[in-house]
Amino acid sequence: MNLKNRCLEYFNHFSNKDIDNVMRMCDGPVELKDWDVDAKGISVVKMAIMNIFNNVDTIKITPLTLTQEYNTVCCQISILINNVDKLDVVDVITFNEDGFIKSIKAYKC
């Protein structure tokens, strides 16, 4: 399975603030960790992502590089918030054997 394409799909759904499709990509015990959030479990992760969506008018993720090693993809991305604020981030996304997201760890650069 090409997990890089799964990451691109995830970033597209996230950029569209499409919570339903974002969550369809996740495994039940999914984990999300970044500089503000440490969420575990599908319902808690969904609330954390909805909080992000509710606090921005727009969010656009531009993938710069994606590197896959086994079931993990390291993604250098640029995030544009409200068409003004830019963040450089590295996401480390791990998938289960069926191609569902097990964990997302995000680091500001």
PDB file of N, CA and C in Angstrom:
ATOM      1  N   MET A   1       0.843  -1.185   0.000  1.00  0.00           N
ATOM      2  CA  MET A   1       0.000   0.000   0.000  1.00  0.00           C
ATOM      3  C   MET A   1       0.886   1.247   0.000  1.00  0.00           C
ATOM      4  N   ASN A   2       0.555   2.203  -0.829  1.00  0.00           N
ATOM      5  CA  ASN A   2       1.308   3.454  -0.882  1.00  0.00           C
ATOM      6  C   ASN A   2       0.791   4.396   0.206  1.00  0.00           C
ATOM      7  N   LEU A   3       1.499   4.416   1.319  1.00  0.00           N
ATOM      8  CA  LEU A   3       1.066   5.219   2.460  1.00  0.00           C
ATOM      9  C   LEU A   3       1.307   6.714   2.238  1.00  0.00           C
ATOM     10  N   LYS A   4       2.212   7.049   1.327  1.00  0.00           N
ATOM     11  CA  LYS A   4       2.393   8.469   0.990  1.00  0.00           C
ATOM     12  C   LYS A   4       1.101   9.031   0.407  1.00  0.00           C
ATOM     13  N   ASN A   5       0.452   8.261  -0.455  1.00  0.00           N
ATOM     14  CA  ASN A   5      -0.826   8.707  -1.022  1.00  0.00           C
ATOM     15  C   ASN A   5      -1.902   8.828   0.049  1.00  0.00           C
ATOM     16  N   ARG A   6      -1.871   7.929   1.036  1.00  0.00           N
ATOM     17  CA  ARG A   6      -2.823   8.028   2.151  1.00  0.00           C
ATOM     18  C   ARG A   6      -2.588   9.329   2.922  1.00  0.00           C
ATOM     19  N   CYS A   7      -1.333   9.716   3.095  1.00  0.00           N
ATOM     20  CA  CYS A   7      -1.028  10.986   3.771  1.00  0.00           C
ATOM     21  C   CYS A   7      -1.551  12.165   2.969  1.00  0.00           C
ATOM     22  N   LEU A   8      -1.357  12.135   1.663  1.00  0.00           N
ATOM     23  CA  LEU A   8      -1.863  13.222   0.814  1.00  0.00           C
ATOM     24  C   LEU A   8      -3.384  13.317   0.910  1.00  0.00           C
ATOM     25  N   GLU A   9      -4.038  12.168   0.963  1.00  0.00           N
ATOM     26  CA  GLU A   9      -5.491  12.146   1.123  1.00  0.00           C
ATOM     27  C   GLU A   9      -5.888  12.763   2.470  1.00  0.00           C
ATOM     28  N   TYR A  10      -5.184  12.380   3.518  1.00  0.00           N
ATOM     29  CA  TYR A  10      -5.430  12.942   4.858  1.00  0.00           C
ATOM     30  C   TYR A  10      -5.251  14.459   4.854  1.00  0.00           C
ATOM     31  N   PHE A  11      -4.157  14.948   4.276  1.00  0.00           N
ATOM     32  CA  PHE A  11      -3.903  16.392   4.246  1.00  0.00           C
ATOM     33  C   PHE A  11      -4.988  17.120   3.462  1.00  0.00           C
ATOM     34  N   ASN A  12      -5.468  16.524   2.398  1.00  0.00           N
ATOM     35  CA  ASN A  12      -6.540  17.119   1.611  1.00  0.00           C
ATOM     36  C   ASN A  12      -7.820  17.235   2.440  1.00  0.00           C
ATOM     37  N   HIS A  13      -8.198  16.162   3.115  1.00  0.00           N
ATOM     38  CA  HIS A  13      -9.396  16.196   3.971  1.00  0.00           C
ATOM     39  C   HIS A  13      -9.226  17.222   5.093  1.00  0.00           C
ATOM     40  N   PHE A  14      -8.029  17.257   5.682  1.00  0.00           N
ATOM     41  CA  PHE A  14      -7.772  18.205   6.773  1.00  0.00           C
ATOM     42  C   PHE A  14      -7.882  19.634   6.261  1.00  0.00           C
ATOM     43  N   SER A  15      -7.305  19.900   5.106  1.00  0.00           N
ATOM     44  CA  SER A  15      -7.357  21.254   4.519  1.00  0.00           C
ATOM     45  C   SER A  15      -8.789  21.679   4.200  1.00  0.00           C
ATOM     46  N   ASN A  16      -9.637  20.707   3.913  1.00  0.00           N
ATOM     47  CA  ASN A  16     -11.051  20.995   3.635  1.00  0.00           C
ATOM     48  C   ASN A  16     -11.903  20.994   4.900  1.00  0.00           C
ATOM     49  N   LYS A  17     -11.253  20.804   6.049  1.00  0.00           N
ATOM     50  CA  LYS A  17     -11.946  20.729   7.339  1.00  0.00           C
ATOM     51  C   LYS A  17     -13.062  19.686   7.292  1.00  0.00           C
ATOM     52  N   ASP A  18     -12.762  18.569   6.635  1.00  0.00           N
ATOM     53  CA  ASP A  18     -13.714  17.480   6.436  1.00  0.00           C
ATOM     54  C   ASP A  18     -13.512  16.426   7.536  1.00  0.00           C
ATOM     55  N   ILE A  19     -14.096  16.693   8.695  1.00  0.00           N
ATOM     56  CA  ILE A  19     -13.871  15.834   9.855  1.00  0.00           C
ATOM     57  C   ILE A  19     -14.316  14.399   9.616  1.00  0.00           C
ATOM     58  N   ASP A  20     -15.411  14.199   8.886  1.00  0.00           N
ATOM     59  CA  ASP A  20     -15.899  12.838   8.659  1.00  0.00           C
ATOM     60  C   ASP A  20     -14.875  11.997   7.918  1.00  0.00           C
ATOM     61  N   ASN A  21     -14.320  12.526   6.831  1.00  0.00           N
ATOM     62  CA  ASN A  21     -13.329  11.762   6.066  1.00  0.00           C
ATOM     63  C   ASN A  21     -11.996  11.666   6.796  1.00  0.00           C
ATOM     64  N   VAL A  22     -11.632  12.684   7.556  1.00  0.00           N
ATOM     65  CA  VAL A  22     -10.413  12.588   8.369  1.00  0.00           C
ATOM     66  C   VAL A  22     -10.547  11.407   9.325  1.00  0.00           C
ATOM     67  N   MET A  23     -11.669  11.334  10.016  1.00  0.00           N
ATOM     68  CA  MET A  23     -11.853  10.282  11.013  1.00  0.00           C
ATOM     69  C   MET A  23     -12.020   8.906  10.378  1.00  0.00           C
ATOM     70  N   ARG A  24     -12.549   8.831   9.175  1.00  0.00           N
ATOM     71  CA  ARG A  24     -12.662   7.538   8.472  1.00  0.00           C
ATOM     72  C   ARG A  24     -11.288   6.935   8.178  1.00  0.00           C
ATOM     73  N   MET A  25     -10.285   7.783   8.144  1.00  0.00           N
ATOM     74  CA  MET A  25      -8.931   7.320   7.852  1.00  0.00           C
ATOM     75  C   MET A  25      -8.214   6.792   9.099  1.00  0.00           C
ATOM     76  N   CYS A  26      -8.826   6.969  10.271  1.00  0.00           N
ATOM     77  CA  CYS A  26      -8.157   6.662  11.537  1.00  0.00           C
ATOM     78  C   CYS A  26      -8.588   5.333  12.126  1.00  0.00           C
ATOM     79  N   ASP A  27      -7.650   4.693  12.799  1.00  0.00           N
ATOM     80  CA  ASP A  27      -7.893   3.490  13.568  1.00  0.00           C
ATOM     81  C   ASP A  27      -8.535   3.888  14.901  1.00  0.00           C
ATOM     82  N   GLY A  28      -9.323   3.018  15.500  1.00  0.00           N
ATOM     83  CA  GLY A  28     -10.032   3.319  16.747  1.00  0.00           C
ATOM     84  C   GLY A  28      -9.160   3.851  17.871  1.00  0.00           C
ATOM     85  N   PRO A  29      -8.025   3.209  18.177  1.00  0.00           N
ATOM     86  CA  PRO A  29      -7.174   3.707  19.262  1.00  0.00           C
ATOM     87  C   PRO A  29      -6.149   4.757  18.791  1.00  0.00           C
ATOM     88  N   VAL A  30      -6.502   5.521  17.771  1.00  0.00           N
ATOM     89  CA  VAL A  30      -5.596   6.517  17.183  1.00  0.00           C
ATOM     90  C   VAL A  30      -5.081   7.487  18.256  1.00  0.00           C
ATOM     91  N   GLU A  31      -3.867   7.995  18.034  1.00  0.00           N
ATOM     92  CA  GLU A  31      -3.263   8.982  18.927  1.00  0.00           C
ATOM     93  C   GLU A  31      -2.833  10.195  18.122  1.00  0.00           C
ATOM     94  N   LEU A  32      -3.005  11.375  18.723  1.00  0.00           N
ATOM     95  CA  LEU A  32      -2.595  12.641  18.115  1.00  0.00           C
ATOM     96  C   LEU A  32      -1.799  13.413  19.141  1.00  0.00           C
ATOM     97  N   LYS A  33      -0.574  13.776  18.781  1.00  0.00           N
ATOM     98  CA  LYS A  33       0.275  14.529  19.702  1.00  0.00           C
ATOM     99  C   LYS A  33       0.964  15.648  18.928  1.00  0.00           C
ATOM    100  N   ASP A  34       0.827  16.865  19.448  1.00  0.00           N
ATOM    101  CA  ASP A  34       1.581  17.994  18.913  1.00  0.00           C
ATOM    102  C   ASP A  34       1.981  18.893  20.066  1.00  0.00           C
ATOM    103  N   TRP A  35       2.373  20.107  19.774  1.00  0.00           N
ATOM    104  CA  TRP A  35       2.855  21.036  20.797  1.00  0.00           C
ATOM    105  C   TRP A  35       1.750  21.510  21.739  1.00  0.00           C
ATOM    106  N   ASP A  36       0.477  21.303  21.381  1.00  0.00           N
ATOM    107  CA  ASP A  36      -0.654  21.709  22.219  1.00  0.00           C
ATOM    108  C   ASP A  36      -1.554  20.552  22.643  1.00  0.00           C
ATOM    109  N   VAL A  37      -1.510  19.446  21.935  1.00  0.00           N
ATOM    110  CA  VAL A  37      -2.493  18.377  22.094  1.00  0.00           C
ATOM    111  C   VAL A  37      -1.796  17.050  22.382  1.00  0.00           C
ATOM    112  N   ASP A  38      -2.398  16.276  23.285  1.00  0.00           N
ATOM    113  CA  ASP A  38      -1.995  14.890  23.504  1.00  0.00           C
ATOM    114  C   ASP A  38      -3.284  14.104  23.678  1.00  0.00           C
ATOM    115  N   ALA A  39      -3.825  13.595  22.556  1.00  0.00           N
ATOM    116  CA  ALA A  39      -5.139  12.954  22.549  1.00  0.00           C
ATOM    117  C   ALA A  39      -5.002  11.486  22.174  1.00  0.00           C
ATOM    118  N   LYS A  40      -5.788  10.640  22.860  1.00  0.00           N
ATOM    119  CA  LYS A  40      -5.760   9.204  22.599  1.00  0.00           C
ATOM    120  C   LYS A  40      -7.184   8.700  22.497  1.00  0.00           C
ATOM    121  N   GLY A  41      -7.445   7.905  21.468  1.00  0.00           N
ATOM    122  CA  GLY A  41      -8.770   7.350  21.246  1.00  0.00           C
ATOM    123  C   GLY A  41      -9.539   8.169  20.228  1.00  0.00           C
ATOM    124  N   ILE A  42     -10.350   7.502  19.448  1.00  0.00           N
ATOM    125  CA  ILE A  42     -11.022   8.112  18.302  1.00  0.00           C
ATOM    126  C   ILE A  42     -11.872   9.313  18.690  1.00  0.00           C
ATOM    127  N   SER A  43     -12.639   9.218  19.774  1.00  0.00           N
ATOM    128  CA  SER A  43     -13.528  10.337  20.138  1.00  0.00           C
ATOM    129  C   SER A  43     -12.738  11.528  20.653  1.00  0.00           C
ATOM    130  N   VAL A  44     -11.667  11.293  21.395  1.00  0.00           N
ATOM    131  CA  VAL A  44     -10.851  12.390  21.923  1.00  0.00           C
ATOM    132  C   VAL A  44     -10.076  13.065  20.791  1.00  0.00           C
ATOM    133  N   VAL A  45      -9.547  12.269  19.874  1.00  0.00           N
ATOM    134  CA  VAL A  45      -8.836  12.827  18.722  1.00  0.00           C
ATOM    135  C   VAL A  45      -9.804  13.633  17.859  1.00  0.00           C
ATOM    136  N   LYS A  46     -11.006  13.129  17.663  1.00  0.00           N
ATOM    137  CA  LYS A  46     -12.001  13.870  16.879  1.00  0.00           C
ATOM    138  C   LYS A  46     -12.290  15.224  17.517  1.00  0.00           C
ATOM    139  N   MET A  47     -12.449  15.263  18.838  1.00  0.00           N
ATOM    140  CA  MET A  47     -12.697  16.539  19.525  1.00  0.00           C
ATOM    141  C   MET A  47     -11.512  17.490  19.370  1.00  0.00           C
ATOM    142  N   ALA A  48     -10.296  16.957  19.446  1.00  0.00           N
ATOM    143  CA  ALA A  48      -9.098  17.783  19.304  1.00  0.00           C
ATOM    144  C   ALA A  48      -9.014  18.395  17.908  1.00  0.00           C
ATOM    145  N   ILE A  49      -9.309  17.591  16.891  1.00  0.00           N
ATOM    146  CA  ILE A  49      -9.268  18.095  15.515  1.00  0.00           C
ATOM    147  C   ILE A  49     -10.396  19.096  15.277  1.00  0.00           C
ATOM    148  N   MET A  50     -11.581  18.804  15.800  1.00  0.00           N
ATOM    149  CA  MET A  50     -12.699  19.751  15.666  1.00  0.00           C
ATOM    150  C   MET A  50     -12.356  21.086  16.337  1.00  0.00           C
ATOM    151  N   ASN A  51     -11.643  21.038  17.444  1.00  0.00           N
ATOM    152  CA  ASN A  51     -11.214  22.256  18.120  1.00  0.00           C
ATOM    153  C   ASN A  51     -10.298  23.076  17.211  1.00  0.00           C
ATOM    154  N   ILE A  52      -9.404  22.401  16.509  1.00  0.00           N
ATOM    155  CA  ILE A  52      -8.537  23.092  15.546  1.00  0.00           C
ATOM    156  C   ILE A  52      -9.394  23.737  14.460  1.00  0.00           C
ATOM    157  N   PHE A  53     -10.298  22.959  13.872  1.00  0.00           N
ATOM    158  CA  PHE A  53     -11.151  23.454  12.792  1.00  0.00           C
ATOM    159  C   PHE A  53     -11.998  24.638  13.254  1.00  0.00           C
ATOM    160  N   ASN A  54     -12.512  24.569  14.468  1.00  0.00           N
ATOM    161  CA  ASN A  54     -13.379  25.637  14.981  1.00  0.00           C
ATOM    162  C   ASN A  54     -12.632  26.920  15.302  1.00  0.00           C
ATOM    163  N   ASN A  55     -11.307  26.816  15.470  1.00  0.00           N
ATOM    164  CA  ASN A  55     -10.520  28.001  15.837  1.00  0.00           C
ATOM    165  C   ASN A  55      -9.837  28.683  14.661  1.00  0.00           C
ATOM    166  N   VAL A  56     -10.090  28.192  13.458  1.00  0.00           N
ATOM    167  CA  VAL A  56      -9.520  28.824  12.266  1.00  0.00           C
ATOM    168  C   VAL A  56     -10.603  28.970  11.209  1.00  0.00           C
ATOM    169  N   ASP A  57     -10.490  30.023  10.408  1.00  0.00           N
ATOM    170  CA  ASP A  57     -11.403  30.165   9.278  1.00  0.00           C
ATOM    171  C   ASP A  57     -10.976  29.229   8.145  1.00  0.00           C
ATOM    172  N   THR A  58      -9.679  29.227   7.857  1.00  0.00           N
ATOM    173  CA  THR A  58      -9.140  28.353   6.817  1.00  0.00           C
ATOM    174  C   THR A  58      -7.841  27.732   7.297  1.00  0.00           C
ATOM    175  N   ILE A  59      -7.572  26.557   6.764  1.00  0.00           N
ATOM    176  CA  ILE A  59      -6.309  25.880   7.033  1.00  0.00           C
ATOM    177  C   ILE A  59      -5.915  25.140   5.756  1.00  0.00           C
ATOM    178  N   LYS A  60      -4.698  25.336   5.314  1.00  0.00           N
ATOM    179  CA  LYS A  60      -4.227  24.730   4.062  1.00  0.00           C
ATOM    180  C   LYS A  60      -2.895  24.064   4.331  1.00  0.00           C
ATOM    181  N   ILE A  61      -2.852  22.768   4.092  1.00  0.00           N
ATOM    182  CA  ILE A  61      -1.613  22.009   4.273  1.00  0.00           C
ATOM    183  C   ILE A  61      -0.985  21.759   2.914  1.00  0.00           C
ATOM    184  N   THR A  62       0.266  22.159   2.783  1.00  0.00           N
ATOM    185  CA  THR A  62       1.027  21.909   1.560  1.00  0.00           C
ATOM    186  C   THR A  62       2.158  20.941   1.890  1.00  0.00           C
ATOM    187  N   PRO A  63       2.081  19.708   1.384  1.00  0.00           N
ATOM    188  CA  PRO A  63       3.166  18.753   1.606  1.00  0.00           C
ATOM    189  C   PRO A  63       4.406  19.168   0.813  1.00  0.00           C
ATOM    190  N   LEU A  64       5.551  19.127   1.473  1.00  0.00           N
ATOM    191  CA  LEU A  64       6.814  19.479   0.818  1.00  0.00           C
ATOM    192  C   LEU A  64       7.622  18.226   0.500  1.00  0.00           C
ATOM    193  N   THR A  65       7.802  17.350   1.485  1.00  0.00           N
ATOM    194  CA  THR A  65       8.467  16.064   1.265  1.00  0.00           C
ATOM    195  C   THR A  65       7.760  14.994   2.073  1.00  0.00           C
ATOM    196  N   LEU A  66       7.718  13.795   1.531  1.00  0.00           N
ATOM    197  CA  LEU A  66       7.151  12.643   2.224  1.00  0.00           C
ATOM    198  C   LEU A  66       8.128  11.486   2.065  1.00  0.00           C
ATOM    199  N   THR A  67       8.485  10.872   3.187  1.00  0.00           N
ATOM    200  CA  THR A  67       9.413   9.756   3.181  1.00  0.00           C
ATOM    201  C   THR A  67       8.788   8.599   3.944  1.00  0.00           C
ATOM    202  N   GLN A  68       8.687   7.443   3.285  1.00  0.00           N
ATOM    203  CA  GLN A  68       8.053   6.281   3.907  1.00  0.00           C
ATOM    204  C   GLN A  68       9.087   5.253   4.302  1.00  0.00           C
ATOM    205  N   GLU A  69       8.944   4.734   5.511  1.00  0.00           N
ATOM    206  CA  GLU A  69       9.745   3.627   6.005  1.00  0.00           C
ATOM    207  C   GLU A  69       8.787   2.672   6.707  1.00  0.00           C
ATOM    208  N   TYR A  70       8.587   1.512   6.119  1.00  0.00           N
ATOM    209  CA  TYR A  70       7.621   0.529   6.629  1.00  0.00           C
ATOM    210  C   TYR A  70       6.241   1.173   6.735  1.00  0.00           C
ATOM    211  N   ASN A  71       5.637   1.189   7.934  1.00  0.00           N
ATOM    212  CA  ASN A  71       4.288   1.728   8.102  1.00  0.00           C
ATOM    213  C   ASN A  71       4.279   3.173   8.599  1.00  0.00           C
ATOM    214  N   THR A  72       5.390   3.866   8.465  1.00  0.00           N
ATOM    215  CA  THR A  72       5.497   5.243   8.947  1.00  0.00           C
ATOM    216  C   THR A  72       5.907   6.164   7.808  1.00  0.00           C
ATOM    217  N   VAL A  73       5.247   7.326   7.752  1.00  0.00           N
ATOM    218  CA  VAL A  73       5.595   8.342   6.760  1.00  0.00           C
ATOM    219  C   VAL A  73       5.963   9.624   7.511  1.00  0.00           C
ATOM    220  N   CYS A  74       7.134  10.154   7.198  1.00  0.00           N
ATOM    221  CA  CYS A  74       7.563  11.451   7.736  1.00  0.00           C
ATOM    222  C   CYS A  74       7.251  12.491   6.671  1.00  0.00           C
ATOM    223  N   CYS A  75       6.511  13.516   7.086  1.00  0.00           N
ATOM    224  CA  CYS A  75       5.999  14.502   6.147  1.00  0.00           C
ATOM    225  C   CYS A  75       6.438  15.901   6.562  1.00  0.00           C
ATOM    226  N   GLN A  76       7.237  16.525   5.723  1.00  0.00           N
ATOM    227  CA  GLN A  76       7.552  17.936   5.931  1.00  0.00           C
ATOM    228  C   GLN A  76       6.444  18.713   5.244  1.00  0.00           C
ATOM    229  N   ILE A  77       5.729  19.543   6.029  1.00  0.00           N
ATOM    230  CA  ILE A  77       4.579  20.256   5.489  1.00  0.00           C
ATOM    231  C   ILE A  77       4.637  21.734   5.867  1.00  0.00           C
ATOM    232  N   SER A  78       3.934  22.521   5.086  1.00  0.00           N
ATOM    233  CA  SER A  78       3.730  23.928   5.386  1.00  0.00           C
ATOM    234  C   SER A  78       2.233  24.105   5.627  1.00  0.00           C
ATOM    235  N   ILE A  79       1.882  24.747   6.737  1.00  0.00           N
ATOM    236  CA  ILE A  79       0.483  24.962   7.082  1.00  0.00           C
ATOM    237  C   ILE A  79       0.197  26.457   7.042  1.00  0.00           C
ATOM    238  N   LEU A  80      -0.787  26.827   6.252  1.00  0.00           N
ATOM    239  CA  LEU A  80      -1.204  28.225   6.152  1.00  0.00           C
ATOM    240  C   LEU A  80      -2.553  28.362   6.853  1.00  0.00           C
ATOM    241  N   ILE A  81      -2.580  29.207   7.875  1.00  0.00           N
ATOM    242  CA  ILE A  81      -3.786  29.391   8.686  1.00  0.00           C
ATOM    243  C   ILE A  81      -4.369  30.766   8.398  1.00  0.00           C
ATOM    244  N   ASN A  82      -5.655  30.770   8.062  1.00  0.00           N
ATOM    245  CA  ASN A  82      -6.388  32.010   7.778  1.00  0.00           C
ATOM    246  C   ASN A  82      -5.706  32.847   6.700  1.00  0.00           C
ATOM    247  N   ASN A  83      -5.033  32.174   5.777  1.00  0.00           N
ATOM    248  CA  ASN A  83      -4.341  32.834   4.661  1.00  0.00           C
ATOM    249  C   ASN A  83      -3.279  33.825   5.107  1.00  0.00           C
ATOM    250  N   VAL A  84      -2.829  33.729   6.363  1.00  0.00           N
ATOM    251  CA  VAL A  84      -1.866  34.694   6.892  1.00  0.00           C
ATOM    252  C   VAL A  84      -0.714  34.010   7.623  1.00  0.00           C
ATOM    253  N   ASP A  85      -1.039  33.217   8.622  1.00  0.00           N
ATOM    254  CA  ASP A  85      -0.032  32.624   9.498  1.00  0.00           C
ATOM    255  C   ASP A  85       0.491  31.322   8.907  1.00  0.00           C
ATOM    256  N   LYS A  86       1.816  31.208   8.844  1.00  0.00           N
ATOM    257  CA  LYS A  86       2.441  30.028   8.266  1.00  0.00           C
ATOM    258  C   LYS A  86       3.223  29.278   9.340  1.00  0.00           C
ATOM    259  N   LEU A  87       3.040  27.962   9.347  1.00  0.00           N
ATOM    260  CA  LEU A  87       3.794  27.085  10.238  1.00  0.00           C
ATOM    261  C   LEU A  87       4.539  26.060   9.410  1.00  0.00           C
ATOM    262  N   ASP A  88       5.798  25.835   9.760  1.00  0.00           N
ATOM    263  CA  ASP A  88       6.558  24.736   9.173  1.00  0.00           C
ATOM    264  C   ASP A  88       6.524  23.600  10.181  1.00  0.00           C
ATOM    265  N   VAL A  89       6.090  22.432   9.726  1.00  0.00           N
ATOM    266  CA  VAL A  89       5.819  21.308  10.624  1.00  0.00           C
ATOM    267  C   VAL A  89       6.339  20.020  10.002  1.00  0.00           C
ATOM    268  N   VAL A  90       6.735  19.092  10.857  1.00  0.00           N
ATOM    269  CA  VAL A  90       7.007  17.719  10.437  1.00  0.00           C
ATOM    270  C   VAL A  90       5.982  16.834  11.126  1.00  0.00           C
ATOM    271  N   ASP A  91       5.219  16.103  10.325  1.00  0.00           N
ATOM    272  CA  ASP A  91       4.281  15.112  10.834  1.00  0.00           C
ATOM    273  C   ASP A  91       4.906  13.733  10.671  1.00  0.00           C
ATOM    274  N   VAL A  92       4.815  12.935  11.715  1.00  0.00           N
ATOM    275  CA  VAL A  92       5.219  11.531  11.645  1.00  0.00           C
ATOM    276  C   VAL A  92       3.928  10.738  11.802  1.00  0.00           C
ATOM    277  N   ILE A  93       3.495  10.119  10.708  1.00  0.00           N
ATOM    278  CA  ILE A  93       2.209   9.424  10.676  1.00  0.00           C
ATOM    279  C   ILE A  93       2.461   7.926  10.539  1.00  0.00           C
ATOM    280  N   THR A  94       1.922   7.169  11.493  1.00  0.00           N
ATOM    281  CA  THR A  94       2.078   5.722  11.501  1.00  0.00           C
ATOM    282  C   THR A  94       0.731   5.078  11.198  1.00  0.00           C
ATOM    283  N   PHE A  95       0.771   4.068  10.347  1.00  0.00           N
ATOM    284  CA  PHE A  95      -0.434   3.367   9.893  1.00  0.00           C
ATOM    285  C   PHE A  95      -0.446   1.934  10.422  1.00  0.00           C
ATOM    286  N   ASN A  96      -1.650   1.375  10.556  1.00  0.00           N
ATOM    287  CA  ASN A  96      -1.754  -0.046  10.888  1.00  0.00           C
ATOM    288  C   ASN A  96      -1.626  -0.865   9.603  1.00  0.00           C
ATOM    289  N   GLU A  97      -1.742  -2.164   9.730  1.00  0.00           N
ATOM    290  CA  GLU A  97      -1.555  -3.065   8.581  1.00  0.00           C
ATOM    291  C   GLU A  97      -2.619  -2.870   7.503  1.00  0.00           C
ATOM    292  N   ASP A  98      -3.776  -2.305   7.876  1.00  0.00           N
ATOM    293  CA  ASP A  98      -4.868  -2.095   6.930  1.00  0.00           C
ATOM    294  C   ASP A  98      -4.863  -0.699   6.310  1.00  0.00           C
ATOM    295  N   GLY A  99      -3.849   0.111   6.627  1.00  0.00           N
ATOM    296  CA  GLY A  99      -3.741   1.440   6.041  1.00  0.00           C
ATOM    297  C   GLY A  99      -4.502   2.523   6.780  1.00  0.00           C
ATOM    298  N   PHE A 100      -4.924   2.252   8.025  1.00  0.00           N
ATOM    299  CA  PHE A 100      -5.581   3.271   8.839  1.00  0.00           C
ATOM    300  C   PHE A 100      -4.549   3.932   9.747  1.00  0.00           C
ATOM    301  N   ILE A 101      -4.749   5.208  10.017  1.00  0.00           N
ATOM    302  CA  ILE A 101      -3.810   5.978  10.823  1.00  0.00           C
ATOM    303  C   ILE A 101      -3.867   5.524  12.276  1.00  0.00           C
ATOM    304  N   LYS A 102      -2.699   5.112  12.815  1.00  0.00           N
ATOM    305  CA  LYS A 102      -2.564   4.718  14.220  1.00  0.00           C
ATOM    306  C   LYS A 102      -2.133   5.904  15.077  1.00  0.00           C
ATOM    307  N   SER A 103      -1.225   6.714  14.537  1.00  0.00           N
ATOM    308  CA  SER A 103      -0.757   7.864  15.311  1.00  0.00           C
ATOM    309  C   SER A 103      -0.247   8.969  14.400  1.00  0.00           C
ATOM    310  N   ILE A 104      -0.412  10.179  14.912  1.00  0.00           N
ATOM    311  CA  ILE A 104       0.118  11.371  14.255  1.00  0.00           C
ATOM    312  C   ILE A 104       0.886  12.132  15.319  1.00  0.00           C
ATOM    313  N   LYS A 105       2.141  12.381  15.050  1.00  0.00           N
ATOM    314  CA  LYS A 105       2.962  13.202  15.933  1.00  0.00           C
ATOM    315  C   LYS A 105       3.455  14.369  15.102  1.00  0.00           C
ATOM    316  N   ALA A 106       3.173  15.576  15.561  1.00  0.00           N
ATOM    317  CA  ALA A 106       3.524  16.783  14.803  1.00  0.00           C
ATOM    318  C   ALA A 106       4.530  17.610  15.586  1.00  0.00           C
ATOM    319  N   TYR A 107       5.530  18.107  14.880  1.00  0.00           N
ATOM    320  CA  TYR A 107       6.604  18.902  15.477  1.00  0.00           C
ATOM    321  C   TYR A 107       6.791  20.189  14.694  1.00  0.00           C
ATOM    322  N   LYS A 108       6.785  21.319  15.395  1.00  0.00           N
ATOM    323  CA  LYS A 108       7.091  22.592  14.739  1.00  0.00           C
ATOM    324  C   LYS A 108       8.565  22.621  14.391  1.00  0.00           C
ATOM    325  N   CYS A 109       8.877  23.209  13.249  1.00  0.00           N
ATOM    326  CA  CYS A 109      10.268  23.346  12.815  1.00  0.00           C
ATOM    327  C   CYS A 109      10.772  24.751  13.102  1.00  0.00           C
TER     328      CYS A 109
END
